[in-house]
Amino acid sequence: MTQNSALKGILALVAGIAIFSVQDLILKLISGDYPLHQAMLIRSLTAIPCLLAITWAFDGTLRTLVSPTWPAMLLRGLLNFLAYTLYYLALAALPMATTVALYFTAPLMIVVMSVFLLSERVSAARWLAVAAGFAGVLLMVRPGGELFDWAALLPVLCGVAYAGSMILARVMGTRDSAAAMAFWGNLAFLACAAALALVYGRGGNAEGVHPSLAFLTRGWVWPSTWDLFLMASCGVIAAVGLTLLTQAYRIAQASIVAPFEFSFAFWGILWGWLIWGDLPDALGWLGIATIVAAGVYVLRSEGVSDSPSDAVKQA
């Protein structure tokens, strides 16, 4: 691998992460007026044809989406749906910087789960990094404090679910393309969002309840043209963002580009400050820095998998 290809990989990944951050911004903006299941349903309906078009453009065929492991990929899609449902529900109630930073507990969760589920051996240094990362979580969540919000637990649980999907990928040992995994994953997203719409479509009382709960249980709302465009654009963002991340892992070593996924924290802080005027306090900054540093160390120390599907964010 040349220095030029490494730079191109890093730039592609950073661009993909920046694009994905816009999706989070949109979902937070609409979380007070629309239900999550509606946004995710429209997103998936848009993402699937975009993924088909991109796959055809790059591969000249859609056969790369066909795989004998599709049931396992659907199962991973269900886990990812659970993970990002928890994540988006947290976005409705918490500052973006807090939600993004707590989401980055996922690499730490993977270390813990790999020990108990895969019997992998973990060095003392990596255990120290995991402990430091969870100390950073406590600095941000501050259980028992006056400002504690139970929604802060949601991105941590998201990390658990996402780590579970990564552990499943290791067990499967699949070499399916990232496009195939994104396609089947989005089919799972579509089915789950439709199921939630059937349950909550008529809605309940979303007035005066916690923002996360309201985002989950609010009934279907016919969107304005602009809001429909925003929700549909999330599908385009997902497809384009995944393409950039996949290209990053194709042209550069995963161990080099993967730590730059933590640039997502920058965008969470920037959007939160520009749109809502949110900035972490001193302990919050310390918590963010601790979690990110621990996550980067864990990724670097275990020599991240060279499979793009193990590292890229699910579209």
C-alpha atoms as a PDB file:
ATOM      1  CA  MET A   1       0.000   0.000   0.000  1.00  0.00           C
ATOM      2  CA  THR A   2       1.416   3.403  -1.006  1.00  0.00           C
ATOM      3  CA  GLN A   3       1.269   6.591   1.029  1.00  0.00           C
ATOM      4  CA  ASN A   4      -1.013   8.026  -1.653  1.00  0.00           C
ATOM      5  CA  SER A   5      -3.545   5.187  -1.325  1.00  0.00           C
ATOM      6  CA  ALA A   6      -3.497   5.563   2.461  1.00  0.00           C
ATOM      7  CA  LEU A   7      -4.260   9.276   2.128  1.00  0.00           C
ATOM      8  CA  LYS A   8      -7.054   8.596  -0.363  1.00  0.00           C
ATOM      9  CA  GLY A   9      -8.524   5.995   1.992  1.00  0.00           C
ATOM     10  CA  ILE A  10      -8.451   8.384   4.929  1.00  0.00           C
ATOM     11  CA  LEU A  11     -10.052  11.179   2.889  1.00  0.00           C
ATOM     12  CA  ALA A  12     -12.792   8.838   1.625  1.00  0.00           C
ATOM     13  CA  LEU A  13     -13.560   7.652   5.138  1.00  0.00           C
ATOM     14  CA  VAL A  14     -13.592  11.149   6.636  1.00  0.00           C
ATOM     15  CA  ALA A  15     -15.917  12.306   3.829  1.00  0.00           C
ATOM     16  CA  GLY A  16     -18.225   9.332   4.418  1.00  0.00           C
ATOM     17  CA  ILE A  17     -18.336  10.030   8.151  1.00  0.00           C
ATOM     18  CA  ALA A  18     -19.142  13.704   7.488  1.00  0.00           C
ATOM     19  CA  ILE A  19     -22.021  12.673   5.209  1.00  0.00           C
ATOM     20  CA  PHE A  20     -23.370  10.225   7.792  1.00  0.00           C
ATOM     21  CA  SER A  21     -23.346  13.000  10.398  1.00  0.00           C
ATOM     22  CA  VAL A  22     -25.857  14.938   8.273  1.00  0.00           C
ATOM     23  CA  GLN A  23     -28.256  11.992   8.590  1.00  0.00           C
ATOM     24  CA  ASP A  24     -28.025  12.205  12.384  1.00  0.00           C
ATOM     25  CA  LEU A  25     -28.581  15.957  12.207  1.00  0.00           C
ATOM     26  CA  ILE A  26     -31.724  15.490  10.107  1.00  0.00           C
ATOM     27  CA  LEU A  27     -33.160  12.840  12.412  1.00  0.00           C
ATOM     28  CA  LYS A  28     -32.578  15.018  15.458  1.00  0.00           C
ATOM     29  CA  LEU A  29     -34.211  17.988  13.714  1.00  0.00           C
ATOM     30  CA  ILE A  30     -37.397  16.042  12.908  1.00  0.00           C
ATOM     31  CA  SER A  31     -37.551  14.063  16.167  1.00  0.00           C
ATOM     32  CA  GLY A  32     -39.921  16.558  17.766  1.00  0.00           C
ATOM     33  CA  ASP A  33     -42.541  16.360  15.008  1.00  0.00           C
ATOM     34  CA  TYR A  34     -42.420  12.904  13.404  1.00  0.00           C
ATOM     35  CA  PRO A  35     -42.130   9.302  14.622  1.00  0.00           C
ATOM     36  CA  LEU A  36     -38.900   7.369  14.250  1.00  0.00           C
ATOM     37  CA  HIS A  37     -40.580   4.487  12.406  1.00  0.00           C
ATOM     38  CA  GLN A  38     -41.794   6.883   9.706  1.00  0.00           C
ATOM     39  CA  ALA A  39     -38.344   8.374   9.161  1.00  0.00           C
ATOM     40  CA  MET A  40     -36.680   4.952   9.049  1.00  0.00           C
ATOM     41  CA  LEU A  41     -39.321   3.531   6.704  1.00  0.00           C
ATOM     42  CA  ILE A  42     -38.916   6.383   4.208  1.00  0.00           C
ATOM     43  CA  ARG A  43     -35.130   6.203   4.598  1.00  0.00           C
ATOM     44  CA  SER A  44     -35.030   2.480   3.794  1.00  0.00           C
ATOM     45  CA  LEU A  45     -37.406   2.840   0.842  1.00  0.00           C
ATOM     46  CA  THR A  46     -34.991   5.408  -0.592  1.00  0.00           C
ATOM     47  CA  ALA A  47     -31.745   3.661   0.374  1.00  0.00           C
ATOM     48  CA  ILE A  48     -32.540   0.314  -1.264  1.00  0.00           C
ATOM     49  CA  PRO A  49     -32.932   1.589  -4.868  1.00  0.00           C
ATOM     50  CA  CYS A  50     -29.882   3.841  -4.336  1.00  0.00           C
ATOM     51  CA  LEU A  51     -27.835   0.829  -3.236  1.00  0.00           C
ATOM     52  CA  LEU A  52     -29.050  -1.146  -6.254  1.00  0.00           C
ATOM     53  CA  ALA A  53     -28.034   1.699  -8.580  1.00  0.00           C
ATOM     54  CA  ILE A  54     -24.603   2.117  -6.971  1.00  0.00           C
ATOM     55  CA  THR A  55     -23.962  -1.639  -7.031  1.00  0.00           C
ATOM     56  CA  TRP A  56     -24.862  -1.789 -10.715  1.00  0.00           C
ATOM     57  CA  ALA A  57     -22.635   1.216 -11.461  1.00  0.00           C
ATOM     58  CA  PHE A  58     -19.600  -0.260  -9.690  1.00  0.00           C
ATOM     59  CA  ASP A  59     -20.045  -3.985 -10.391  1.00  0.00           C
ATOM     60  CA  GLY A  60     -22.041  -3.986 -13.625  1.00  0.00           C
ATOM     61  CA  THR A  61     -24.322  -6.613 -12.083  1.00  0.00           C
ATOM     62  CA  LEU A  62     -26.583  -7.168  -9.083  1.00  0.00           C
ATOM     63  CA  ARG A  63     -25.408 -10.748  -8.591  1.00  0.00           C
ATOM     64  CA  THR A  64     -22.992  -9.561  -5.904  1.00  0.00           C
ATOM     65  CA  LEU A  65     -26.045  -8.962  -3.694  1.00  0.00           C
ATOM     66  CA  VAL A  66     -27.030 -12.636  -3.838  1.00  0.00           C
ATOM     67  CA  SER A  67     -25.547 -14.665  -1.003  1.00  0.00           C
ATOM     68  CA  PRO A  68     -26.197 -18.041   0.653  1.00  0.00           C
ATOM     69  CA  THR A  69     -25.639 -16.316   4.006  1.00  0.00           C
ATOM     70  CA  TRP A  70     -28.559 -13.912   3.571  1.00  0.00           C
ATOM     71  CA  PRO A  71     -30.450 -15.241   6.645  1.00  0.00           C
ATOM     72  CA  ALA A  72     -27.442 -14.411   8.829  1.00  0.00           C
ATOM     73  CA  MET A  73     -27.184 -10.986   7.207  1.00  0.00           C
ATOM     74  CA  LEU A  74     -30.858 -10.377   7.978  1.00  0.00           C
ATOM     75  CA  LEU A  75     -30.162 -11.322  11.602  1.00  0.00           C
ATOM     76  CA  ARG A  76     -27.287  -8.848  11.670  1.00  0.00           C
ATOM     77  CA  GLY A  77     -29.653  -6.317  10.154  1.00  0.00           C
ATOM     78  CA  LEU A  78     -32.083  -6.871  13.024  1.00  0.00           C
ATOM     79  CA  LEU A  79     -29.313  -6.279  15.558  1.00  0.00           C
ATOM     80  CA  ASN A  80     -28.255  -3.138  13.721  1.00  0.00           C
ATOM     81  CA  PHE A  81     -31.856  -1.953  13.602  1.00  0.00           C
ATOM     82  CA  LEU A  82     -32.066  -2.375  17.375  1.00  0.00           C
ATOM     83  CA  ALA A  83     -28.736  -0.569  17.786  1.00  0.00           C
ATOM     84  CA  TYR A  84     -29.635   2.430  15.697  1.00  0.00           C
ATOM     85  CA  THR A  85     -33.176   2.636  17.042  1.00  0.00           C
ATOM     86  CA  LEU A  86     -31.644   3.069  20.489  1.00  0.00           C
ATOM     87  CA  TYR A  87     -29.153   5.560  19.069  1.00  0.00           C
ATOM     88  CA  TYR A  88     -31.770   7.681  17.308  1.00  0.00           C
ATOM     89  CA  LEU A  89     -34.053   7.647  20.352  1.00  0.00           C
ATOM     90  CA  ALA A  90     -31.125   9.004  22.358  1.00  0.00           C
ATOM     91  CA  LEU A  91     -30.581  11.733  19.748  1.00  0.00           C
ATOM     92  CA  ALA A  92     -34.113  12.968  20.374  1.00  0.00           C
ATOM     93  CA  ALA A  93     -33.285  13.774  24.001  1.00  0.00           C
ATOM     94  CA  LEU A  94     -29.531  14.307  24.282  1.00  0.00           C
ATOM     95  CA  PRO A  95     -27.007  16.708  22.737  1.00  0.00           C
ATOM     96  CA  MET A  96     -25.437  15.260  19.600  1.00  0.00           C
ATOM     97  CA  ALA A  97     -21.933  15.314  21.085  1.00  0.00           C
ATOM     98  CA  THR A  98     -23.057  13.243  24.075  1.00  0.00           C
ATOM     99  CA  THR A  99     -24.928  10.705  21.953  1.00  0.00           C
ATOM    100  CA  VAL A 100     -22.064  10.244  19.497  1.00  0.00           C
ATOM    101  CA  ALA A 101     -19.434   9.909  22.226  1.00  0.00           C
ATOM    102  CA  LEU A 102     -21.440   7.300  24.133  1.00  0.00           C
ATOM    103  CA  TYR A 103     -22.012   5.390  20.881  1.00  0.00           C
ATOM    104  CA  PHE A 104     -18.241   4.977  20.653  1.00  0.00           C
ATOM    105  CA  THR A 105     -18.378   2.526  23.538  1.00  0.00           C
ATOM    106  CA  ALA A 106     -19.087  -0.077  20.819  1.00  0.00           C
ATOM    107  CA  PRO A 107     -15.399  -1.030  20.270  1.00  0.00           C
ATOM    108  CA  LEU A 108     -15.058  -1.468  24.028  1.00  0.00           C
ATOM    109  CA  MET A 109     -18.157  -3.684  24.109  1.00  0.00           C
ATOM    110  CA  ILE A 110     -16.685  -5.812  21.323  1.00  0.00           C
ATOM    111  CA  VAL A 111     -13.599  -6.474  23.447  1.00  0.00           C
ATOM    112  CA  VAL A 112     -15.696  -7.543  26.444  1.00  0.00           C
ATOM    113  CA  MET A 113     -18.083  -9.706  24.408  1.00  0.00           C
ATOM    114  CA  SER A 114     -15.258 -11.373  22.473  1.00  0.00           C
ATOM    115  CA  VAL A 115     -13.834 -12.644  25.768  1.00  0.00           C
ATOM    116  CA  PHE A 116     -17.082 -14.170  27.005  1.00  0.00           C
ATOM    117  CA  LEU A 117     -18.593 -15.302  23.698  1.00  0.00           C
ATOM    118  CA  LEU A 118     -15.539 -16.157  21.595  1.00  0.00           C
ATOM    119  CA  SER A 119     -13.040 -17.013  24.368  1.00  0.00           C
ATOM    120  CA  GLU A 120     -10.543 -14.560  22.910  1.00  0.00           C
ATOM    121  CA  ARG A 121      -7.555 -13.491  24.978  1.00  0.00           C
ATOM    122  CA  VAL A 122      -7.218  -9.799  25.768  1.00  0.00           C
ATOM    123  CA  SER A 123      -4.020  -8.136  26.943  1.00  0.00           C
ATOM    124  CA  ALA A 124      -3.836  -6.195  30.193  1.00  0.00           C
ATOM    125  CA  ALA A 125      -3.267  -2.979  28.242  1.00  0.00           C
ATOM    126  CA  ARG A 126      -6.507  -3.430  26.295  1.00  0.00           C
ATOM    127  CA  TRP A 127      -8.398  -4.163  29.519  1.00  0.00           C
ATOM    128  CA  LEU A 128      -7.021  -0.903  30.916  1.00  0.00           C
ATOM    129  CA  ALA A 129      -8.228   0.896  27.785  1.00  0.00           C
ATOM    130  CA  VAL A 130     -11.694  -0.628  28.218  1.00  0.00           C
ATOM    131  CA  ALA A 131     -11.772   0.423  31.881  1.00  0.00           C
ATOM    132  CA  ALA A 132     -10.685   3.948  30.939  1.00  0.00           C
ATOM    133  CA  GLY A 133     -13.400   4.106  28.277  1.00  0.00           C
ATOM    134  CA  PHE A 134     -16.104   3.130  30.735  1.00  0.00           C
ATOM    135  CA  ALA A 135     -14.733   5.689  33.199  1.00  0.00           C
ATOM    136  CA  GLY A 136     -15.286   8.227  30.421  1.00  0.00           C
ATOM    137  CA  VAL A 137     -18.887   7.016  30.158  1.00  0.00           C
ATOM    138  CA  LEU A 138     -19.392   7.681  33.873  1.00  0.00           C
ATOM    139  CA  LEU A 139     -17.976  11.186  33.453  1.00  0.00           C
ATOM    140  CA  MET A 140     -20.582  11.889  30.779  1.00  0.00           C
ATOM    141  CA  VAL A 141     -23.602  10.037  32.186  1.00  0.00           C
ATOM    142  CA  ARG A 142     -23.034  10.911  35.872  1.00  0.00           C
ATOM    143  CA  PRO A 143     -25.583   8.518  37.373  1.00  0.00           C
ATOM    144  CA  GLY A 144     -27.203   9.912  40.496  1.00  0.00           C
ATOM    145  CA  GLY A 145     -26.454  13.500  39.507  1.00  0.00           C
ATOM    146  CA  GLU A 146     -29.073  16.206  39.147  1.00  0.00           C
ATOM    147  CA  LEU A 147     -28.607  16.341  35.370  1.00  0.00           C
ATOM    148  CA  PHE A 148     -28.796  12.572  34.817  1.00  0.00           C
ATOM    149  CA  ASP A 149     -31.098  11.549  31.965  1.00  0.00           C
ATOM    150  CA  TRP A 150     -31.964   7.880  31.500  1.00  0.00           C
ATOM    151  CA  ALA A 151     -31.711   8.460  27.743  1.00  0.00           C
ATOM    152  CA  ALA A 152     -27.924   8.525  28.244  1.00  0.00           C
ATOM    153  CA  LEU A 153     -28.135   4.758  28.702  1.00  0.00           C
ATOM    154  CA  LEU A 154     -29.592   4.317  25.203  1.00  0.00           C
ATOM    155  CA  PRO A 155     -26.405   4.926  23.166  1.00  0.00           C
ATOM    156  CA  VAL A 156     -24.517   2.640  25.550  1.00  0.00           C
ATOM    157  CA  LEU A 157     -27.104  -0.092  24.912  1.00  0.00           C
ATOM    158  CA  CYS A 158     -26.746   0.754  21.222  1.00  0.00           C
ATOM    159  CA  GLY A 159     -23.059  -0.060  21.602  1.00  0.00           C
ATOM    160  CA  VAL A 160     -23.964  -3.440  23.092  1.00  0.00           C
ATOM    161  CA  ALA A 161     -26.322  -4.293  20.206  1.00  0.00           C
ATOM    162  CA  TYR A 162     -23.847  -3.083  17.594  1.00  0.00           C
ATOM    163  CA  ALA A 163     -21.053  -5.081  19.220  1.00  0.00           C
ATOM    164  CA  GLY A 164     -23.330  -8.120  19.082  1.00  0.00           C
ATOM    165  CA  SER A 165     -23.704  -7.681  15.322  1.00  0.00           C
ATOM    166  CA  MET A 166     -19.917  -7.463  14.956  1.00  0.00           C
ATOM    167  CA  ILE A 167     -19.441 -10.611  17.058  1.00  0.00           C
ATOM    168  CA  LEU A 168     -21.990 -12.357  14.836  1.00  0.00           C
ATOM    169  CA  ALA A 169     -19.961 -11.283  11.795  1.00  0.00           C
ATOM    170  CA  ARG A 170     -16.866 -12.899  13.300  1.00  0.00           C
ATOM    171  CA  VAL A 171     -18.762 -16.106  14.009  1.00  0.00           C
ATOM    172  CA  MET A 172     -20.155 -16.149  10.470  1.00  0.00           C
ATOM    173  CA  GLY A 173     -16.734 -15.520   8.994  1.00  0.00           C
ATOM    174  CA  THR A 174     -18.511 -14.112   5.949  1.00  0.00           C
ATOM    175  CA  ARG A 175     -16.645 -12.520   3.072  1.00  0.00           C
ATOM    176  CA  ASP A 176     -19.757 -11.027   1.529  1.00  0.00           C
ATOM    177  CA  SER A 177     -19.392  -7.586   0.017  1.00  0.00           C
ATOM    178  CA  ALA A 178     -20.292  -4.505   2.016  1.00  0.00           C
ATOM    179  CA  ALA A 179     -22.940  -3.765  -0.634  1.00  0.00           C
ATOM    180  CA  ALA A 180     -24.610  -7.138  -0.026  1.00  0.00           C
ATOM    181  CA  MET A 181     -24.552  -6.650   3.729  1.00  0.00           C
ATOM    182  CA  ALA A 182     -25.967  -3.131   3.368  1.00  0.00           C
ATOM    183  CA  PHE A 183     -28.698  -4.361   1.001  1.00  0.00           C
ATOM    184  CA  TRP A 184     -29.886  -7.182   3.259  1.00  0.00           C
ATOM    185  CA  GLY A 185     -29.439  -4.976   6.295  1.00  0.00           C
ATOM    186  CA  ASN A 186     -31.703  -2.352   4.768  1.00  0.00           C
ATOM    187  CA  LEU A 187     -34.312  -4.997   3.986  1.00  0.00           C
ATOM    188  CA  ALA A 188     -34.259  -5.835   7.695  1.00  0.00           C
ATOM    189  CA  PHE A 189     -34.535  -2.112   8.511  1.00  0.00           C
ATOM    190  CA  LEU A 190     -37.503  -1.802   6.156  1.00  0.00           C
ATOM    191  CA  ALA A 191     -39.318  -4.780   7.680  1.00  0.00           C
ATOM    192  CA  CYS A 192     -38.694  -3.621  11.257  1.00  0.00           C
ATOM    193  CA  ALA A 193     -39.722  -0.040  10.525  1.00  0.00           C
ATOM    194  CA  ALA A 194     -42.925  -1.313   8.895  1.00  0.00           C
ATOM    195  CA  ALA A 195     -43.619  -3.451  11.980  1.00  0.00           C
ATOM    196  CA  LEU A 196     -43.155  -0.436  14.265  1.00  0.00           C
ATOM    197  CA  ALA A 197     -45.448   1.583  12.004  1.00  0.00           C
ATOM    198  CA  LEU A 198     -48.144  -1.072  12.390  1.00  0.00           C
ATOM    199  CA  VAL A 199     -47.783  -0.941  16.173  1.00  0.00           C
ATOM    200  CA  TYR A 200     -47.514   2.824  16.635  1.00  0.00           C
ATOM    201  CA  GLY A 201     -48.885   4.152  13.342  1.00  0.00           C
ATOM    202  CA  ARG A 202     -52.085   5.433  14.896  1.00  0.00           C
ATOM    203  CA  GLY A 203     -50.063   6.855  17.732  1.00  0.00           C
ATOM    204  CA  GLY A 204     -50.538   7.298  21.410  1.00  0.00           C
ATOM    205  CA  ASN A 205     -50.220  10.272  23.679  1.00  0.00           C
ATOM    206  CA  ALA A 206     -46.862  11.775  22.772  1.00  0.00           C
ATOM    207  CA  GLU A 207     -47.576  15.058  24.537  1.00  0.00           C
ATOM    208  CA  GLY A 208     -45.747  15.745  27.760  1.00  0.00           C
ATOM    209  CA  VAL A 209     -43.731  12.513  27.689  1.00  0.00           C
ATOM    210  CA  HIS A 210     -39.979  12.054  27.461  1.00  0.00           C
ATOM    211  CA  PRO A 211     -38.650  13.093  24.011  1.00  0.00           C
ATOM    212  CA  SER A 212     -37.222   9.624  23.345  1.00  0.00           C
ATOM    213  CA  LEU A 213     -40.519   7.931  24.180  1.00  0.00           C
ATOM    214  CA  ALA A 214     -42.459  10.440  22.081  1.00  0.00           C
ATOM    215  CA  PHE A 215     -40.148   9.795  19.103  1.00  0.00           C
ATOM    216  CA  LEU A 216     -40.866   6.077  19.437  1.00  0.00           C
ATOM    217  CA  THR A 217     -44.640   6.118  19.999  1.00  0.00           C
ATOM    218  CA  ARG A 218     -45.810   9.136  17.996  1.00  0.00           C
ATOM    219  CA  GLY A 219     -48.311   8.252  15.275  1.00  0.00           C
ATOM    220  CA  TRP A 220     -47.746   8.662  11.550  1.00  0.00           C
ATOM    221  CA  VAL A 221     -47.762  12.323  10.478  1.00  0.00           C
ATOM    222  CA  TRP A 222     -48.200  13.308   6.852  1.00  0.00           C
ATOM    223  CA  PRO A 223     -44.979  15.213   6.151  1.00  0.00           C
ATOM    224  CA  SER A 224     -44.552  18.525   4.402  1.00  0.00           C
ATOM    225  CA  THR A 225     -42.733  18.419   1.080  1.00  0.00           C
ATOM    226  CA  TRP A 226     -39.537  19.691   2.708  1.00  0.00           C
ATOM    227  CA  ASP A 227     -39.651  17.207   5.579  1.00  0.00           C
ATOM    228  CA  LEU A 228     -40.380  14.351   3.173  1.00  0.00           C
ATOM    229  CA  PHE A 229     -37.323  15.441   1.192  1.00  0.00           C
ATOM    230  CA  LEU A 230     -35.220  15.437   4.375  1.00  0.00           C
ATOM    231  CA  MET A 231     -36.333  11.930   5.362  1.00  0.00           C
ATOM    232  CA  ALA A 232     -35.819  10.582   1.845  1.00  0.00           C
ATOM    233  CA  SER A 233     -32.397  12.220   1.662  1.00  0.00           C
ATOM    234  CA  CYS A 234     -31.338  10.059   4.617  1.00  0.00           C
ATOM    235  CA  GLY A 235     -31.563   7.060   2.302  1.00  0.00           C
ATOM    236  CA  VAL A 236     -29.345   8.756  -0.288  1.00  0.00           C
ATOM    237  CA  ILE A 237     -26.927   9.775   2.472  1.00  0.00           C
ATOM    238  CA  ALA A 238     -26.791   6.184   3.728  1.00  0.00           C
ATOM    239  CA  ALA A 239     -26.034   4.788   0.265  1.00  0.00           C
ATOM    240  CA  VAL A 240     -23.411   7.410  -0.652  1.00  0.00           C
ATOM    241  CA  GLY A 241     -21.824   7.343   2.797  1.00  0.00           C
ATOM    242  CA  LEU A 242     -21.487   3.569   2.729  1.00  0.00           C
ATOM    243  CA  THR A 243     -19.936   3.703  -0.741  1.00  0.00           C
ATOM    244  CA  LEU A 244     -17.279   6.142   0.475  1.00  0.00           C
ATOM    245  CA  LEU A 245     -16.525   4.084   3.583  1.00  0.00           C
ATOM    246  CA  THR A 246     -16.351   0.882   1.566  1.00  0.00           C
ATOM    247  CA  GLN A 247     -13.958   2.485  -0.903  1.00  0.00           C
ATOM    248  CA  ALA A 248     -11.826   3.699   2.002  1.00  0.00           C
ATOM    249  CA  TYR A 249     -11.366   0.142   3.280  1.00  0.00           C
ATOM    250  CA  ARG A 250     -10.756  -1.183  -0.221  1.00  0.00           C
ATOM    251  CA  ILE A 251      -7.864   1.132  -1.059  1.00  0.00           C
ATOM    252  CA  ALA A 252      -6.199   1.421   2.359  1.00  0.00           C
ATOM    253  CA  GLN A 253      -5.464  -0.869   5.284  1.00  0.00           C
ATOM    254  CA  ALA A 254      -8.240  -1.005   7.856  1.00  0.00           C
ATOM    255  CA  SER A 255      -5.774  -0.498  10.712  1.00  0.00           C
ATOM    256  CA  ILE A 256      -4.830   2.868   9.184  1.00  0.00           C
ATOM    257  CA  VAL A 257      -8.248   4.273   8.294  1.00  0.00           C
ATOM    258  CA  ALA A 258     -10.497   2.814  11.029  1.00  0.00           C
ATOM    259  CA  PRO A 259      -9.362   5.190  13.820  1.00  0.00           C
ATOM    260  CA  PHE A 260     -10.558   8.091  11.664  1.00  0.00           C
ATOM    261  CA  GLU A 261     -14.139   6.884  12.208  1.00  0.00           C
ATOM    262  CA  PHE A 262     -13.825   8.737  15.497  1.00  0.00           C
ATOM    263  CA  SER A 263     -13.902  11.980  13.494  1.00  0.00           C
ATOM    264  CA  PHE A 264     -17.651  11.473  13.898  1.00  0.00           C
ATOM    265  CA  ALA A 265     -17.251  13.006  17.370  1.00  0.00           C
ATOM    266  CA  PHE A 266     -16.089  16.269  15.765  1.00  0.00           C
ATOM    267  CA  TRP A 267     -19.241  16.492  13.658  1.00  0.00           C
ATOM    268  CA  GLY A 268     -21.470  15.694  16.616  1.00  0.00           C
ATOM    269  CA  ILE A 269     -19.891  18.536  18.578  1.00  0.00           C
ATOM    270  CA  LEU A 270     -19.978  20.933  15.597  1.00  0.00           C
ATOM    271  CA  TRP A 271     -23.639  20.355  14.656  1.00  0.00           C
ATOM    272  CA  GLY A 272     -24.731  20.488  18.287  1.00  0.00           C
ATOM    273  CA  TRP A 273     -22.971  23.814  18.764  1.00  0.00           C
ATOM    274  CA  LEU A 274     -24.081  25.413  15.468  1.00  0.00           C
ATOM    275  CA  ILE A 275     -27.752  24.381  15.614  1.00  0.00           C
ATOM    276  CA  TRP A 276     -28.585  24.118  19.312  1.00  0.00           C
ATOM    277  CA  GLY A 277     -25.740  25.933  21.024  1.00  0.00           C
ATOM    278  CA  ASP A 278     -24.795  22.766  22.915  1.00  0.00           C
ATOM    279  CA  LEU A 279     -21.247  22.358  24.140  1.00  0.00           C
ATOM    280  CA  PRO A 280     -20.010  19.805  26.696  1.00  0.00           C
ATOM    281  CA  ASP A 281     -18.878  21.055  30.091  1.00  0.00           C
ATOM    282  CA  ALA A 282     -15.377  20.338  31.412  1.00  0.00           C
ATOM    283  CA  LEU A 283     -16.248  16.827  32.609  1.00  0.00           C
ATOM    284  CA  GLY A 284     -18.057  16.168  29.334  1.00  0.00           C
ATOM    285  CA  TRP A 285     -14.974  17.115  27.304  1.00  0.00           C
ATOM    286  CA  LEU A 286     -12.860  14.872  29.498  1.00  0.00           C
ATOM    287  CA  GLY A 287     -15.331  12.008  29.055  1.00  0.00           C
ATOM    288  CA  ILE A 288     -15.391  12.417  25.264  1.00  0.00           C
ATOM    289  CA  ALA A 289     -11.597  12.507  25.075  1.00  0.00           C
ATOM    290  CA  THR A 290     -11.289   9.425  27.296  1.00  0.00           C
ATOM    291  CA  ILE A 291     -13.814   7.358  25.322  1.00  0.00           C
ATOM    292  CA  VAL A 292     -12.331   8.314  21.945  1.00  0.00           C
ATOM    293  CA  ALA A 293      -8.748   7.682  23.095  1.00  0.00           C
ATOM    294  CA  ALA A 294      -9.704   4.289  24.535  1.00  0.00           C
ATOM    295  CA  GLY A 295     -11.579   3.333  21.364  1.00  0.00           C
ATOM    296  CA  VAL A 296      -8.705   4.347  19.088  1.00  0.00           C
ATOM    297  CA  TYR A 297      -6.251   2.372  21.220  1.00  0.00           C
ATOM    298  CA  VAL A 298      -8.448  -0.740  21.135  1.00  0.00           C
ATOM    299  CA  LEU A 299      -8.806  -0.520  17.344  1.00  0.00           C
ATOM    300  CA  ARG A 300      -5.085  -0.007  16.804  1.00  0.00           C
ATOM    301  CA  SER A 301      -3.978  -2.663  19.286  1.00  0.00           C
ATOM    302  CA  GLU A 302      -6.115  -5.436  17.841  1.00  0.00           C
ATOM    303  CA  GLY A 303      -5.106  -4.676  14.241  1.00  0.00           C
ATOM    304  CA  VAL A 304      -8.562  -3.979  12.856  1.00  0.00           C
ATOM    305  CA  SER A 305      -9.979  -6.592  10.478  1.00  0.00           C
ATOM    306  CA  ASP A 306      -9.257  -5.956   6.827  1.00  0.00           C
ATOM    307  CA  SER A 307     -12.873  -6.696   5.993  1.00  0.00           C
ATOM    308  CA  PRO A 308     -14.735  -3.443   5.302  1.00  0.00           C
ATOM    309  CA  SER A 309     -17.966  -4.972   6.525  1.00  0.00           C
ATOM    310  CA  ASP A 310     -16.506  -5.323  10.010  1.00  0.00           C
ATOM    311  CA  ALA A 311     -15.679  -1.678  10.360  1.00  0.00           C
ATOM    312  CA  VAL A 312     -17.961   0.472   8.282  1.00  0.00           C
ATOM    313  CA  LYS A 313     -21.098   1.904   9.750  1.00  0.00           C
ATOM    314  CA  GLN A 314     -24.273   0.136   8.693  1.00  0.00           C
ATOM    315  CA  ALA A 315     -26.066   2.121   5.997  1.00  0.00           C
END
